[in-house]
């Protein structure tokens, strides 16, 4: 059976911003995980914050209240060795 993984992430301009926003999310009660930025997003510092897709709206609201430089919000679906990446619009 082929493994399927869906998650969203934020790609950052700097490592400091990634770590800072991870702390903001933690303080707001949201789970996130610092990961290496997935292939397909060649810009930035190489660190991203991974989170569950169902938290996207809430995390975007936290971001709007704490704006820092980011590359963007993204969604990824991995099916076996194939990845489908798309940039998410800011709502």
N, C-alpha and C. Protein backbone atom coordinates (compact mmCIF):
# COMPACT_ATOMS: atom_id res chain seq x y z
N UNK A 1 0.84 -1.18 0.00
CA UNK A 1 0.00 0.00 0.00
C UNK A 1 0.89 1.25 0.00
N UNK A 2 0.55 2.23 -0.82
CA UNK A 2 1.31 3.46 -0.94
C UNK A 2 0.95 4.43 0.19
N UNK A 3 1.97 4.98 0.81
CA UNK A 3 1.75 5.94 1.90
C UNK A 3 1.36 7.31 1.34
N UNK A 4 0.36 7.92 1.95
CA UNK A 4 -0.07 9.27 1.57
C UNK A 4 0.12 10.18 2.78
N UNK A 5 0.73 11.34 2.53
CA UNK A 5 0.95 12.31 3.59
C UNK A 5 0.51 13.68 3.09
N UNK A 6 -0.35 14.34 3.84
CA UNK A 6 -0.81 15.70 3.54
C UNK A 6 -0.42 16.61 4.70
N UNK A 7 0.19 17.74 4.38
CA UNK A 7 0.44 18.75 5.40
C UNK A 7 0.63 20.10 4.75
N UNK A 8 0.52 21.14 5.54
CA UNK A 8 0.78 22.50 5.08
C UNK A 8 2.01 23.01 5.81
N UNK A 9 2.63 24.04 5.23
CA UNK A 9 3.81 24.61 5.88
C UNK A 9 3.99 26.06 5.47
N UNK A 10 4.76 26.76 6.29
CA UNK A 10 5.16 28.14 6.01
C UNK A 10 6.66 28.12 5.78
N UNK A 11 7.09 28.74 4.69
CA UNK A 11 8.51 28.87 4.39
C UNK A 11 8.96 30.28 4.77
N UNK A 12 10.13 30.38 5.39
CA UNK A 12 10.59 31.65 5.95
C UNK A 12 11.84 32.18 5.24
N UNK A 13 12.03 33.49 5.40
CA UNK A 13 13.22 34.16 4.87
C UNK A 13 14.45 33.92 5.73
N UNK A 14 14.25 33.71 7.03
CA UNK A 14 15.39 33.51 7.92
C UNK A 14 15.07 32.47 8.98
N UNK A 15 16.10 31.84 9.48
CA UNK A 15 15.95 30.85 10.54
C UNK A 15 15.36 31.48 11.80
N UNK A 16 15.80 32.69 12.10
CA UNK A 16 15.30 33.39 13.28
C UNK A 16 13.78 33.58 13.21
N UNK A 17 13.28 33.95 12.01
CA UNK A 17 11.85 34.14 11.84
C UNK A 17 11.09 32.82 12.02
N UNK A 18 11.65 31.74 11.51
CA UNK A 18 11.01 30.42 11.67
C UNK A 18 10.91 30.05 13.14
N UNK A 19 11.98 30.21 13.88
CA UNK A 19 11.99 29.88 15.30
C UNK A 19 11.06 30.80 16.10
N UNK A 20 11.06 32.07 15.76
CA UNK A 20 10.22 33.06 16.43
C UNK A 20 8.74 32.73 16.21
N UNK A 21 8.36 32.43 14.95
CA UNK A 21 6.95 32.15 14.68
C UNK A 21 6.52 30.82 15.28
N UNK A 22 7.42 29.86 15.35
CA UNK A 22 7.11 28.59 16.03
C UNK A 22 6.74 28.85 17.48
N UNK A 23 7.44 29.75 18.13
CA UNK A 23 7.14 30.10 19.52
C UNK A 23 5.81 30.83 19.63
N UNK A 24 5.52 31.71 18.68
CA UNK A 24 4.23 32.41 18.67
C UNK A 24 3.09 31.40 18.56
N UNK A 25 3.23 30.43 17.65
CA UNK A 25 2.19 29.41 17.49
C UNK A 25 2.04 28.57 18.75
N UNK A 26 3.15 28.21 19.36
CA UNK A 26 3.10 27.42 20.60
C UNK A 26 2.36 28.19 21.69
N UNK A 27 2.67 29.47 21.83
CA UNK A 27 2.02 30.31 22.84
C UNK A 27 0.53 30.46 22.57
N UNK A 28 0.15 30.39 21.28
CA UNK A 28 -1.27 30.51 20.89
C UNK A 28 -1.99 29.16 21.00
N UNK A 29 -1.25 28.08 21.31
CA UNK A 29 -1.86 26.78 21.49
C UNK A 29 -1.93 25.91 20.25
N UNK A 30 -1.14 26.24 19.23
CA UNK A 30 -1.15 25.47 17.98
C UNK A 30 0.12 24.64 17.85
N UNK A 31 -0.05 23.41 17.41
CA UNK A 31 1.08 22.52 17.19
C UNK A 31 1.69 22.78 15.83
N UNK A 32 3.00 22.84 15.79
CA UNK A 32 3.74 22.94 14.53
C UNK A 32 5.06 22.22 14.74
N UNK A 33 5.73 21.95 13.65
CA UNK A 33 7.01 21.25 13.70
C UNK A 33 7.98 21.94 12.74
N UNK A 34 9.18 22.20 13.20
CA UNK A 34 10.21 22.78 12.34
C UNK A 34 10.76 21.66 11.45
N UNK A 35 10.75 21.91 10.14
CA UNK A 35 11.23 20.93 9.17
C UNK A 35 12.16 21.61 8.17
N UNK A 36 12.91 20.81 7.43
CA UNK A 36 13.64 21.34 6.29
C UNK A 36 12.62 21.67 5.20
N UNK A 37 12.80 22.79 4.55
CA UNK A 37 11.86 23.20 3.52
C UNK A 37 11.82 22.16 2.40
N UNK A 38 10.63 21.68 2.05
CA UNK A 38 10.52 20.67 0.99
C UNK A 38 11.03 21.18 -0.36
N UNK A 39 11.50 20.24 -1.18
CA UNK A 39 11.93 20.59 -2.53
C UNK A 39 10.77 21.24 -3.25
N UNK A 40 11.07 22.15 -4.13
CA UNK A 40 10.03 22.87 -4.85
C UNK A 40 9.91 24.30 -4.38
N UNK A 41 10.38 24.57 -3.17
CA UNK A 41 10.43 25.94 -2.65
C UNK A 41 11.92 26.24 -2.48
N UNK A 42 12.51 26.78 -3.51
CA UNK A 42 13.96 26.96 -3.53
C UNK A 42 14.42 28.22 -2.81
N UNK A 43 13.48 29.05 -2.40
CA UNK A 43 13.84 30.30 -1.74
C UNK A 43 13.85 30.13 -0.23
N UNK A 44 14.46 31.08 0.44
CA UNK A 44 14.38 31.10 1.90
C UNK A 44 15.59 30.53 2.59
N UNK A 45 15.41 30.29 3.88
CA UNK A 45 16.52 29.90 4.76
C UNK A 45 16.69 28.39 4.86
N UNK A 46 15.74 27.63 4.35
CA UNK A 46 15.83 26.17 4.45
C UNK A 46 15.00 25.58 5.58
N UNK A 47 14.40 26.44 6.43
CA UNK A 47 13.53 25.95 7.49
C UNK A 47 12.09 26.37 7.22
N UNK A 48 11.18 25.47 7.55
CA UNK A 48 9.76 25.74 7.43
C UNK A 48 9.05 25.23 8.67
N UNK A 49 7.81 25.68 8.87
CA UNK A 49 6.97 25.17 9.95
C UNK A 49 5.86 24.34 9.34
N UNK A 50 5.80 23.10 9.74
CA UNK A 50 4.80 22.14 9.26
C UNK A 50 3.63 22.13 10.24
N UNK A 51 2.41 22.06 9.68
CA UNK A 51 1.22 21.99 10.52
C UNK A 51 0.10 21.28 9.78
N UNK A 52 -0.91 20.88 10.52
CA UNK A 52 -2.04 20.15 9.96
C UNK A 52 -2.87 21.07 9.05
N UNK A 53 -3.33 20.55 7.91
CA UNK A 53 -4.14 21.38 7.00
C UNK A 53 -5.37 21.99 7.66
N UNK A 54 -5.98 21.30 8.61
CA UNK A 54 -7.20 21.86 9.22
C UNK A 54 -6.91 23.07 10.12
N UNK A 55 -5.65 23.35 10.41
CA UNK A 55 -5.28 24.52 11.21
C UNK A 55 -4.92 25.74 10.36
N UNK A 56 -4.96 25.59 9.04
CA UNK A 56 -4.47 26.65 8.15
C UNK A 56 -5.12 28.00 8.40
N UNK A 57 -6.44 28.04 8.45
CA UNK A 57 -7.14 29.31 8.66
C UNK A 57 -6.75 29.98 9.95
N UNK A 58 -6.69 29.21 11.03
CA UNK A 58 -6.32 29.76 12.33
C UNK A 58 -4.88 30.25 12.34
N UNK A 59 -3.98 29.50 11.71
CA UNK A 59 -2.57 29.90 11.67
C UNK A 59 -2.38 31.14 10.80
N UNK A 60 -3.16 31.25 9.72
CA UNK A 60 -3.10 32.48 8.91
C UNK A 60 -3.55 33.69 9.72
N UNK A 61 -4.56 33.50 10.58
CA UNK A 61 -5.00 34.60 11.45
C UNK A 61 -3.91 34.99 12.44
N UNK A 62 -3.24 34.01 13.02
CA UNK A 62 -2.13 34.31 13.93
C UNK A 62 -1.05 35.07 13.18
N UNK A 63 -0.77 34.66 11.94
CA UNK A 63 0.25 35.35 11.13
C UNK A 63 -0.16 36.81 10.85
N UNK A 64 -1.43 37.01 10.52
CA UNK A 64 -1.89 38.38 10.23
C UNK A 64 -1.71 39.30 11.44
N UNK A 65 -1.82 38.73 12.64
CA UNK A 65 -1.63 39.51 13.86
C UNK A 65 -0.17 39.63 14.27
N UNK A 66 0.70 38.83 13.66
CA UNK A 66 2.13 38.83 13.97
C UNK A 66 2.93 38.73 12.66
N UNK A 67 2.76 39.71 11.76
CA UNK A 67 3.42 39.59 10.45
C UNK A 67 4.94 39.67 10.55
N UNK A 68 5.59 38.72 9.95
CA UNK A 68 7.05 38.70 9.82
C UNK A 68 7.34 38.29 8.38
N UNK A 69 8.54 38.53 7.88
CA UNK A 69 8.85 38.15 6.50
C UNK A 69 8.76 36.63 6.30
N UNK A 70 7.97 36.22 5.31
CA UNK A 70 7.87 34.81 4.94
C UNK A 70 7.97 34.69 3.42
N UNK A 71 8.26 33.48 2.96
CA UNK A 71 8.19 33.19 1.53
C UNK A 71 6.73 32.94 1.16
N UNK A 72 6.03 32.15 1.98
CA UNK A 72 4.62 31.91 1.74
C UNK A 72 4.10 30.70 2.49
N UNK A 73 2.79 30.50 2.36
CA UNK A 73 2.11 29.33 2.89
C UNK A 73 1.97 28.32 1.75
N UNK A 74 2.18 27.04 2.04
CA UNK A 74 2.14 26.00 1.03
C UNK A 74 1.40 24.77 1.54
N UNK A 75 0.90 24.01 0.59
CA UNK A 75 0.27 22.72 0.86
C UNK A 75 1.04 21.67 0.07
N UNK A 76 1.25 20.51 0.69
CA UNK A 76 1.96 19.44 0.00
C UNK A 76 1.24 18.12 0.23
N UNK A 77 1.19 17.32 -0.81
CA UNK A 77 0.64 15.96 -0.72
C UNK A 77 1.72 15.04 -1.29
N UNK A 78 2.14 14.10 -0.46
CA UNK A 78 3.14 13.12 -0.86
C UNK A 78 2.46 11.76 -1.01
N UNK A 79 2.62 11.18 -2.18
CA UNK A 79 2.08 9.85 -2.45
C UNK A 79 3.25 9.01 -2.93
N UNK A 80 3.71 8.12 -2.07
CA UNK A 80 4.91 7.35 -2.40
C UNK A 80 6.08 8.30 -2.63
N UNK A 81 6.71 8.23 -3.78
CA UNK A 81 7.86 9.08 -4.09
C UNK A 81 7.48 10.36 -4.82
N UNK A 82 6.20 10.60 -5.03
CA UNK A 82 5.73 11.77 -5.76
C UNK A 82 5.19 12.82 -4.80
N UNK A 83 5.53 14.11 -5.04
CA UNK A 83 5.02 15.21 -4.22
C UNK A 83 4.30 16.22 -5.09
N UNK A 84 3.15 16.66 -4.61
CA UNK A 84 2.38 17.70 -5.29
C UNK A 84 2.37 18.92 -4.37
N UNK A 85 2.96 20.03 -4.82
CA UNK A 85 3.13 21.23 -4.02
C UNK A 85 2.31 22.35 -4.63
N UNK A 86 1.65 23.13 -3.78
CA UNK A 86 0.97 24.33 -4.28
C UNK A 86 1.03 25.44 -3.24
N UNK A 87 1.14 26.66 -3.73
CA UNK A 87 1.17 27.81 -2.85
C UNK A 87 -0.26 28.17 -2.48
N UNK A 88 -0.47 28.48 -1.20
CA UNK A 88 -1.80 28.83 -0.71
C UNK A 88 -1.97 30.36 -0.69
N UNK A 89 -3.12 30.82 -1.17
CA UNK A 89 -3.36 32.28 -1.11
C UNK A 89 -3.62 32.70 0.34
N UNK A 90 -3.20 33.89 0.66
CA UNK A 90 -3.49 34.45 1.99
C UNK A 90 -4.95 34.87 2.00
N UNK A 91 -5.70 34.33 2.93
CA UNK A 91 -7.15 34.62 2.99
C UNK A 91 -7.42 35.70 3.99
